[in-house]
């Protein structure tokens, strides 16, 4: 199996966290989107989503 990579543009580091989010203006409450993040980009990616008032949760690990 291939290692999963960070969702940050240009980053090829292994993902260590899942950032689970949705855009409430277009997604139903049960719809979740997932970005993967390495340790270096976790704060950047989650802050980017929070700045847009999207519900965001961070979960350790990239499976399940």
C-alpha atoms as a PDB file:
ATOM      1  CA  UNK A   1       0.000   0.000   0.000  1.00  0.00           C
ATOM      2  CA  UNK A   2       1.216   3.512  -0.811  1.00  0.00           C
ATOM      3  CA  UNK A   3       1.724   5.958   2.052  1.00  0.00           C
ATOM      4  CA  UNK A   4      -0.910   8.658   2.144  1.00  0.00           C
ATOM      5  CA  UNK A   5       0.430  12.163   1.549  1.00  0.00           C
ATOM      6  CA  UNK A   6      -0.354  15.547   3.055  1.00  0.00           C
ATOM      7  CA  UNK A   7      -3.051  17.555   1.238  1.00  0.00           C
ATOM      8  CA  UNK A   8      -1.015  20.786   1.309  1.00  0.00           C
ATOM      9  CA  UNK A   9      -0.114  21.798  -2.248  1.00  0.00           C
ATOM     10  CA  UNK A  10       3.414  20.708  -3.086  1.00  0.00           C
ATOM     11  CA  UNK A  11       3.900  18.680   0.102  1.00  0.00           C
ATOM     12  CA  UNK A  12       4.819  15.024  -0.321  1.00  0.00           C
ATOM     13  CA  UNK A  13       5.271  14.203   3.378  1.00  0.00           C
ATOM     14  CA  UNK A  14       3.419  11.300   4.939  1.00  0.00           C
ATOM     15  CA  UNK A  15       0.077  12.256   6.444  1.00  0.00           C
ATOM     16  CA  UNK A  16      -0.274  11.831  10.207  1.00  0.00           C
ATOM     17  CA  UNK A  17      -3.687  13.453  10.812  1.00  0.00           C
ATOM     18  CA  UNK A  18      -7.119  13.694   9.237  1.00  0.00           C
ATOM     19  CA  UNK A  19      -8.836  17.067   9.101  1.00  0.00           C
ATOM     20  CA  UNK A  20     -12.559  16.404   8.860  1.00  0.00           C
ATOM     21  CA  UNK A  21     -14.659  19.331   7.685  1.00  0.00           C
ATOM     22  CA  UNK A  22     -17.685  20.439   5.700  1.00  0.00           C
ATOM     23  CA  UNK A  23     -19.002  23.582   4.092  1.00  0.00           C
ATOM     24  CA  UNK A  24     -22.420  24.055   5.721  1.00  0.00           C
ATOM     25  CA  UNK A  25     -23.598  26.263   2.853  1.00  0.00           C
ATOM     26  CA  UNK A  26     -23.391  23.367   0.379  1.00  0.00           C
ATOM     27  CA  UNK A  27     -22.971  20.134   2.390  1.00  0.00           C
ATOM     28  CA  UNK A  28     -25.636  18.338   4.427  1.00  0.00           C
ATOM     29  CA  UNK A  29     -24.855  17.853   8.117  1.00  0.00           C
ATOM     30  CA  UNK A  30     -23.955  14.195   7.544  1.00  0.00           C
ATOM     31  CA  UNK A  31     -21.474  14.924   4.738  1.00  0.00           C
ATOM     32  CA  UNK A  32     -17.797  15.010   5.720  1.00  0.00           C
ATOM     33  CA  UNK A  33     -14.802  15.980   3.640  1.00  0.00           C
ATOM     34  CA  UNK A  34     -11.327  14.852   4.665  1.00  0.00           C
ATOM     35  CA  UNK A  35      -7.963  16.472   4.104  1.00  0.00           C
ATOM     36  CA  UNK A  36      -4.811  14.691   5.195  1.00  0.00           C
ATOM     37  CA  UNK A  37      -2.053  16.614   6.959  1.00  0.00           C
ATOM     38  CA  UNK A  38       1.536  16.048   7.972  1.00  0.00           C
ATOM     39  CA  UNK A  39       2.695  17.435  11.326  1.00  0.00           C
ATOM     40  CA  UNK A  40       4.183  20.513   9.633  1.00  0.00           C
ATOM     41  CA  UNK A  41       0.980  21.552   7.820  1.00  0.00           C
ATOM     42  CA  UNK A  42      -1.683  20.490  10.331  1.00  0.00           C
ATOM     43  CA  UNK A  43      -2.179  23.960  11.817  1.00  0.00           C
ATOM     44  CA  UNK A  44      -2.017  25.718   8.429  1.00  0.00           C
ATOM     45  CA  UNK A  45      -4.680  23.499   6.844  1.00  0.00           C
ATOM     46  CA  UNK A  46      -7.042  23.446   9.826  1.00  0.00           C
ATOM     47  CA  UNK A  47      -6.734  27.233  10.333  1.00  0.00           C
ATOM     48  CA  UNK A  48      -7.471  27.763   6.616  1.00  0.00           C
ATOM     49  CA  UNK A  49     -10.786  25.918   7.008  1.00  0.00           C
ATOM     50  CA  UNK A  50     -11.689  27.507  10.348  1.00  0.00           C
ATOM     51  CA  UNK A  51     -11.112  30.987   8.897  1.00  0.00           C
ATOM     52  CA  UNK A  52     -14.003  30.225   6.532  1.00  0.00           C
ATOM     53  CA  UNK A  53     -16.261  29.249   9.462  1.00  0.00           C
ATOM     54  CA  UNK A  54     -16.363  25.590   8.422  1.00  0.00           C
ATOM     55  CA  UNK A  55     -16.930  22.995  11.150  1.00  0.00           C
ATOM     56  CA  UNK A  56     -13.547  21.296  11.587  1.00  0.00           C
ATOM     57  CA  UNK A  57     -12.259  18.421  13.686  1.00  0.00           C
ATOM     58  CA  UNK A  58      -8.753  16.988  13.741  1.00  0.00           C
ATOM     59  CA  UNK A  59      -8.227  13.275  14.239  1.00  0.00           C
ATOM     60  CA  UNK A  60      -4.889  11.587  14.776  1.00  0.00           C
ATOM     61  CA  UNK A  61      -4.033   8.903  12.256  1.00  0.00           C
ATOM     62  CA  UNK A  62      -5.114   8.566   8.659  1.00  0.00           C
ATOM     63  CA  UNK A  63      -7.285   5.448   8.759  1.00  0.00           C
ATOM     64  CA  UNK A  64     -10.760   4.779  10.052  1.00  0.00           C
END
